[in-house]
Amino acid sequence: MEFEGSVLIKREDAVRSVKAADQLMTLHCLQCNTILADSLHVCGEIKCLDSVMCTRVTNDVVVGDGIMSGHKGEMADCIYSPLTCRSCQVLVGKRIDSSPSHLASVRQLFLLCKPKISCYVLNSCSMVSASTLSFEVKPVTETTAEVRRQFELQLDRMLRLKSRLAQRGVITKKRK
């Protein structure tokens, strides 16, 4: 969907090449378009469950009181709470409370099911299916290495500037 004036028009061409980690967006219920989360709280995706991992969701996501257990597939031996949309009561995901070790890293995160959500990409004013986007994030080591590289470049600039200022000070003292 695209925003034109005051009307949201459905997009026919999906934005497949967009990496969600590079975009500001809101995540919506596919059924009723209620906002469920935003990209600032997305911390990746878990492909084996076809879900987007979020640290926070809006008050329109209801964590079910009932506890469910998985009996087959990736959710075997898991205990989880269902997540539903407050507006239309559609199941939009789950929050794993207890799991085997291979899912330990996603315990207590909100897992929004990609086929049940759509995303409004802010800079392009378009609504796309979450299934067409990649929510992978860079590993911390890559991010840390990039920050270190930028920090070292900034330090190098500051040292060169300090050297120039010191030279100007020497020249000024000689003139006096």
C-alpha atoms as a PDB file:
ATOM      1  CA  MET A   1       0.000   0.000   0.000  1.00  0.00           C
ATOM      2  CA  GLU A   2       1.148   3.523  -0.660  1.00  0.00           C
ATOM      3  CA  PHE A   3       0.038   6.742   0.943  1.00  0.00           C
ATOM      4  CA  GLU A   4      -1.241   9.310  -1.535  1.00  0.00           C
ATOM      5  CA  GLY A   5      -2.690  12.370   0.121  1.00  0.00           C
ATOM      6  CA  SER A   6      -5.146  10.918   2.597  1.00  0.00           C
ATOM      7  CA  VAL A   7      -5.660   7.488   0.994  1.00  0.00           C
ATOM      8  CA  LEU A   8      -3.646   4.311   1.542  1.00  0.00           C
ATOM      9  CA  ILE A   9      -3.364   2.414  -1.751  1.00  0.00           C
ATOM     10  CA  LYS A  10      -2.302  -1.250  -1.878  1.00  0.00           C
ATOM     11  CA  ARG A  11       1.065  -1.811  -3.573  1.00  0.00           C
ATOM     12  CA  GLU A  12       1.199  -4.586  -6.112  1.00  0.00           C
ATOM     13  CA  ASP A  13       4.998  -4.805  -6.268  1.00  0.00           C
ATOM     14  CA  ALA A  14       6.472  -6.083  -3.001  1.00  0.00           C
ATOM     15  CA  VAL A  15       9.639  -4.437  -1.725  1.00  0.00           C
ATOM     16  CA  ARG A  16      11.668  -7.656  -1.583  1.00  0.00           C
ATOM     17  CA  SER A  17      15.138  -6.136  -1.603  1.00  0.00           C
ATOM     18  CA  VAL A  18      14.576  -4.021   1.504  1.00  0.00           C
ATOM     19  CA  LYS A  19      16.304  -5.110   4.686  1.00  0.00           C
ATOM     20  CA  ALA A  20      14.012  -4.218   7.540  1.00  0.00           C
ATOM     21  CA  ALA A  21      16.960  -3.439   9.815  1.00  0.00           C
ATOM     22  CA  ASP A  22      17.793  -0.453   7.581  1.00  0.00           C
ATOM     23  CA  GLN A  23      14.253   0.996   7.605  1.00  0.00           C
ATOM     24  CA  LEU A  24      12.012   2.760  10.086  1.00  0.00           C
ATOM     25  CA  MET A  25       8.639   1.058  10.031  1.00  0.00           C
ATOM     26  CA  THR A  26       5.594   0.080  12.014  1.00  0.00           C
ATOM     27  CA  LEU A  27       4.334  -3.503  12.221  1.00  0.00           C
ATOM     28  CA  HIS A  28       0.587  -3.935  11.771  1.00  0.00           C
ATOM     29  CA  CYS A  29      -1.995  -6.679  12.194  1.00  0.00           C
ATOM     30  CA  LEU A  30      -2.661  -8.014   8.702  1.00  0.00           C
ATOM     31  CA  GLN A  31      -6.375  -8.424   9.496  1.00  0.00           C
ATOM     32  CA  CYS A  32      -7.247  -4.950  10.850  1.00  0.00           C
ATOM     33  CA  ASN A  33      -4.072  -2.799  10.410  1.00  0.00           C
ATOM     34  CA  THR A  34      -3.720  -2.106  14.137  1.00  0.00           C
ATOM     35  CA  ILE A  35      -0.144  -1.132  15.046  1.00  0.00           C
ATOM     36  CA  LEU A  36       1.501  -3.973  16.976  1.00  0.00           C
ATOM     37  CA  ALA A  37       5.129  -2.788  17.211  1.00  0.00           C
ATOM     38  CA  ASP A  38       7.761  -0.648  15.526  1.00  0.00           C
ATOM     39  CA  SER A  39      11.168  -1.339  14.035  1.00  0.00           C
ATOM     40  CA  LEU A  40      12.985   0.324  16.954  1.00  0.00           C
ATOM     41  CA  HIS A  41      12.051  -2.678  19.111  1.00  0.00           C
ATOM     42  CA  VAL A  42      12.747  -5.379  16.511  1.00  0.00           C
ATOM     43  CA  CYS A  43      15.807  -7.410  17.469  1.00  0.00           C
ATOM     44  CA  GLY A  44      15.869  -9.864  14.562  1.00  0.00           C
ATOM     45  CA  GLU A  45      13.945 -12.752  13.137  1.00  0.00           C
ATOM     46  CA  ILE A  46      13.809 -16.444  13.838  1.00  0.00           C
ATOM     47  CA  LYS A  47      13.444 -18.185  10.500  1.00  0.00           C
ATOM     48  CA  CYS A  48      12.555 -21.612  11.854  1.00  0.00           C
ATOM     49  CA  LEU A  49       9.380 -20.102  13.372  1.00  0.00           C
ATOM     50  CA  ASP A  50       8.867 -17.529  10.565  1.00  0.00           C
ATOM     51  CA  SER A  51       8.648 -14.818  13.215  1.00  0.00           C
ATOM     52  CA  VAL A  52       9.932 -11.323  13.945  1.00  0.00           C
ATOM     53  CA  MET A  53      11.501 -10.947  17.404  1.00  0.00           C
ATOM     54  CA  CYS A  54      10.516  -7.823  19.354  1.00  0.00           C
ATOM     55  CA  THR A  55      11.596  -6.608  22.771  1.00  0.00           C
ATOM     56  CA  ARG A  56       8.449  -4.457  23.120  1.00  0.00           C
ATOM     57  CA  VAL A  57       5.020  -4.355  21.532  1.00  0.00           C
ATOM     58  CA  THR A  58       2.111  -1.901  21.807  1.00  0.00           C
ATOM     59  CA  ASN A  59      -0.772  -2.224  24.249  1.00  0.00           C
ATOM     60  CA  ASP A  60      -2.801  -3.570  21.308  1.00  0.00           C
ATOM     61  CA  VAL A  61      -0.984  -6.901  21.612  1.00  0.00           C
ATOM     62  CA  VAL A  62      -2.623  -9.063  24.271  1.00  0.00           C
ATOM     63  CA  VAL A  63      -0.544 -11.745  25.969  1.00  0.00           C
ATOM     64  CA  GLY A  64      -2.936 -14.629  26.551  1.00  0.00           C
ATOM     65  CA  ASP A  65      -3.572 -15.908  30.061  1.00  0.00           C
ATOM     66  CA  GLY A  66      -3.634 -19.500  28.873  1.00  0.00           C
ATOM     67  CA  ILE A  67      -0.378 -21.363  28.559  1.00  0.00           C
ATOM     68  CA  MET A  68       0.005 -23.599  25.539  1.00  0.00           C
ATOM     69  CA  SER A  69       2.537 -26.299  24.821  1.00  0.00           C
ATOM     70  CA  GLY A  70       4.133 -27.278  21.547  1.00  0.00           C
ATOM     71  CA  HIS A  71       4.147 -30.955  20.652  1.00  0.00           C
ATOM     72  CA  LYS A  72       5.814 -31.069  17.241  1.00  0.00           C
ATOM     73  CA  GLY A  73       8.297 -29.290  15.014  1.00  0.00           C
ATOM     74  CA  GLU A  74      10.464 -26.463  16.300  1.00  0.00           C
ATOM     75  CA  MET A  75       7.995 -25.753  19.116  1.00  0.00           C
ATOM     76  CA  ALA A  76       8.229 -29.296  20.548  1.00  0.00           C
ATOM     77  CA  ASP A  77       8.679 -29.209  24.331  1.00  0.00           C
ATOM     78  CA  CYS A  78       7.973 -25.454  24.485  1.00  0.00           C
ATOM     79  CA  ILE A  79       5.535 -23.690  26.762  1.00  0.00           C
ATOM     80  CA  TYR A  80       4.280 -20.408  25.375  1.00  0.00           C
ATOM     81  CA  SER A  81       1.620 -17.729  25.665  1.00  0.00           C
ATOM     82  CA  PRO A  82      -0.368 -16.726  22.578  1.00  0.00           C
ATOM     83  CA  LEU A  83      -0.268 -13.101  21.377  1.00  0.00           C
ATOM     84  CA  THR A  84      -3.485 -11.705  19.932  1.00  0.00           C
ATOM     85  CA  CYS A  85      -4.515  -8.404  18.381  1.00  0.00           C
ATOM     86  CA  ARG A  86      -6.708  -6.461  20.802  1.00  0.00           C
ATOM     87  CA  SER A  87      -8.843  -5.034  17.959  1.00  0.00           C
ATOM     88  CA  CYS A  88      -9.742  -8.157  15.975  1.00  0.00           C
ATOM     89  CA  GLN A  89      -8.667 -10.977  18.365  1.00  0.00           C
ATOM     90  CA  VAL A  90      -6.586 -12.677  15.640  1.00  0.00           C
ATOM     91  CA  LEU A  91      -3.597 -14.716  16.811  1.00  0.00           C
ATOM     92  CA  VAL A  92      -0.516 -12.693  15.739  1.00  0.00           C
ATOM     93  CA  GLY A  93       2.285 -14.541  17.501  1.00  0.00           C
ATOM     94  CA  LYS A  94       3.589 -16.087  20.686  1.00  0.00           C
ATOM     95  CA  ARG A  95       5.869 -15.486  23.643  1.00  0.00           C
ATOM     96  CA  ILE A  96       7.922 -18.518  24.684  1.00  0.00           C
ATOM     97  CA  ASP A  97       8.079 -19.012  28.448  1.00  0.00           C
ATOM     98  CA  SER A  98       9.986 -22.288  28.557  1.00  0.00           C
ATOM     99  CA  SER A  99      11.881 -24.063  25.802  1.00  0.00           C
ATOM    100  CA  PRO A 100      14.684 -26.456  24.940  1.00  0.00           C
ATOM    101  CA  SER A 101      18.154 -24.942  24.668  1.00  0.00           C
ATOM    102  CA  HIS A 102      17.939 -24.264  20.900  1.00  0.00           C
ATOM    103  CA  LEU A 103      15.228 -21.638  21.562  1.00  0.00           C
ATOM    104  CA  ALA A 104      16.652 -20.314  24.849  1.00  0.00           C
ATOM    105  CA  SER A 105      17.709 -17.019  23.228  1.00  0.00           C
ATOM    106  CA  VAL A 106      14.116 -16.115  22.330  1.00  0.00           C
ATOM    107  CA  ARG A 107      12.487 -16.795  25.692  1.00  0.00           C
ATOM    108  CA  GLN A 108      10.327 -13.881  26.871  1.00  0.00           C
ATOM    109  CA  LEU A 109      10.649 -12.051  23.534  1.00  0.00           C
ATOM    110  CA  PHE A 110       7.527 -11.244  21.544  1.00  0.00           C
ATOM    111  CA  LEU A 111       7.509 -13.375  18.384  1.00  0.00           C
ATOM    112  CA  LEU A 112       5.203 -11.851  15.774  1.00  0.00           C
ATOM    113  CA  CYS A 113       4.306 -14.321  13.042  1.00  0.00           C
ATOM    114  CA  LYS A 114       5.426 -12.831   9.701  1.00  0.00           C
ATOM    115  CA  PRO A 115       2.437 -14.151   7.673  1.00  0.00           C
ATOM    116  CA  LYS A 116       0.076 -12.409  10.145  1.00  0.00           C
ATOM    117  CA  ILE A 117       1.640  -8.926   9.971  1.00  0.00           C
ATOM    118  CA  SER A 118       2.290  -6.186   7.463  1.00  0.00           C
ATOM    119  CA  CYS A 119       4.784  -3.341   7.665  1.00  0.00           C
ATOM    120  CA  TYR A 120       4.356   0.343   6.915  1.00  0.00           C
ATOM    121  CA  VAL A 121       7.758   1.575   5.703  1.00  0.00           C
ATOM    122  CA  LEU A 122       7.950   5.215   6.761  1.00  0.00           C
ATOM    123  CA  ASN A 123      10.355   6.676   4.193  1.00  0.00           C
ATOM    124  CA  SER A 124       8.599   5.083   1.214  1.00  0.00           C
ATOM    125  CA  CYS A 125       5.032   5.498   2.553  1.00  0.00           C
ATOM    126  CA  SER A 126       4.209   1.942   1.552  1.00  0.00           C
ATOM    127  CA  MET A 127       2.606  -1.047   3.253  1.00  0.00           C
ATOM    128  CA  VAL A 128       4.251  -4.394   2.494  1.00  0.00           C
ATOM    129  CA  SER A 129       3.835  -7.918   3.772  1.00  0.00           C
ATOM    130  CA  ALA A 130       6.315  -8.793   6.534  1.00  0.00           C
ATOM    131  CA  SER A 131       7.009 -12.074   4.724  1.00  0.00           C
ATOM    132  CA  THR A 132       8.705 -10.144   1.910  1.00  0.00           C
ATOM    133  CA  LEU A 133      11.195  -8.472   4.265  1.00  0.00           C
ATOM    134  CA  SER A 134      14.359  -9.663   5.956  1.00  0.00           C
ATOM    135  CA  PHE A 135      14.609  -8.766   9.645  1.00  0.00           C
ATOM    136  CA  GLU A 136      18.123 -10.126  10.119  1.00  0.00           C
ATOM    137  CA  VAL A 137      20.440  -7.916  12.119  1.00  0.00           C
ATOM    138  CA  LYS A 138      24.219  -7.693  12.048  1.00  0.00           C
ATOM    139  CA  PRO A 139      26.019  -9.810  14.629  1.00  0.00           C
ATOM    140  CA  VAL A 140      27.272  -7.782  17.592  1.00  0.00           C
ATOM    141  CA  THR A 141      30.897  -8.442  16.617  1.00  0.00           C
ATOM    142  CA  GLU A 142      30.366  -6.784  13.210  1.00  0.00           C
ATOM    143  CA  THR A 143      28.607  -3.817  14.795  1.00  0.00           C
ATOM    144  CA  THR A 144      31.324  -3.463  17.439  1.00  0.00           C
ATOM    145  CA  ALA A 145      34.054  -3.631  14.785  1.00  0.00           C
ATOM    146  CA  GLU A 146      32.330  -0.885  12.776  1.00  0.00           C
ATOM    147  CA  VAL A 147      31.980   1.367  15.849  1.00  0.00           C
ATOM    148  CA  ARG A 148      35.638   0.775  16.711  1.00  0.00           C
ATOM    149  CA  ARG A 149      36.705   1.662  13.152  1.00  0.00           C
ATOM    150  CA  GLN A 150      34.677   4.895  13.263  1.00  0.00           C
ATOM    151  CA  PHE A 151      36.073   5.728  16.695  1.00  0.00           C
ATOM    152  CA  GLU A 152      39.656   5.223  15.488  1.00  0.00           C
ATOM    153  CA  LEU A 153      39.026   7.433  12.444  1.00  0.00           C
ATOM    154  CA  GLN A 154      37.647  10.166  14.700  1.00  0.00           C
ATOM    155  CA  LEU A 155      40.641   9.830  17.042  1.00  0.00           C
ATOM    156  CA  ASP A 156      43.014  10.137  14.058  1.00  0.00           C
ATOM    157  CA  ARG A 157      41.229  13.333  12.915  1.00  0.00           C
ATOM    158  CA  MET A 158      41.464  14.799  16.397  1.00  0.00           C
ATOM    159  CA  LEU A 159      45.203  14.027  16.642  1.00  0.00           C
ATOM    160  CA  ARG A 160      45.841  15.703  13.273  1.00  0.00           C
ATOM    161  CA  LEU A 161      43.848  18.753  14.380  1.00  0.00           C
ATOM    162  CA  LYS A 162      45.775  18.884  17.666  1.00  0.00           C
ATOM    163  CA  SER A 163      49.047  18.729  15.740  1.00  0.00           C
ATOM    164  CA  ARG A 164      47.981  21.613  13.448  1.00  0.00           C
ATOM    165  CA  LEU A 165      46.901  23.709  16.424  1.00  0.00           C
ATOM    166  CA  ALA A 166      50.223  23.031  18.159  1.00  0.00           C
ATOM    167  CA  GLN A 167      52.125  24.123  15.022  1.00  0.00           C
ATOM    168  CA  ARG A 168      50.099  27.342  14.814  1.00  0.00           C
ATOM    169  CA  GLY A 169      50.901  28.029  18.477  1.00  0.00           C
ATOM    170  CA  VAL A 170      54.630  27.656  17.796  1.00  0.00           C
ATOM    171  CA  ILE A 171      54.426  29.998  14.781  1.00  0.00           C
ATOM    172  CA  THR A 172      52.484  32.584  16.788  1.00  0.00           C
ATOM    173  CA  LYS A 173      55.087  32.510  19.619  1.00  0.00           C
ATOM    174  CA  LYS A 174      57.967  33.002  17.110  1.00  0.00           C
ATOM    175  CA  ARG A 175      56.296  36.117  15.673  1.00  0.00           C
ATOM    176  CA  LYS A 176      56.134  37.769  19.095  1.00  0.00           C
END
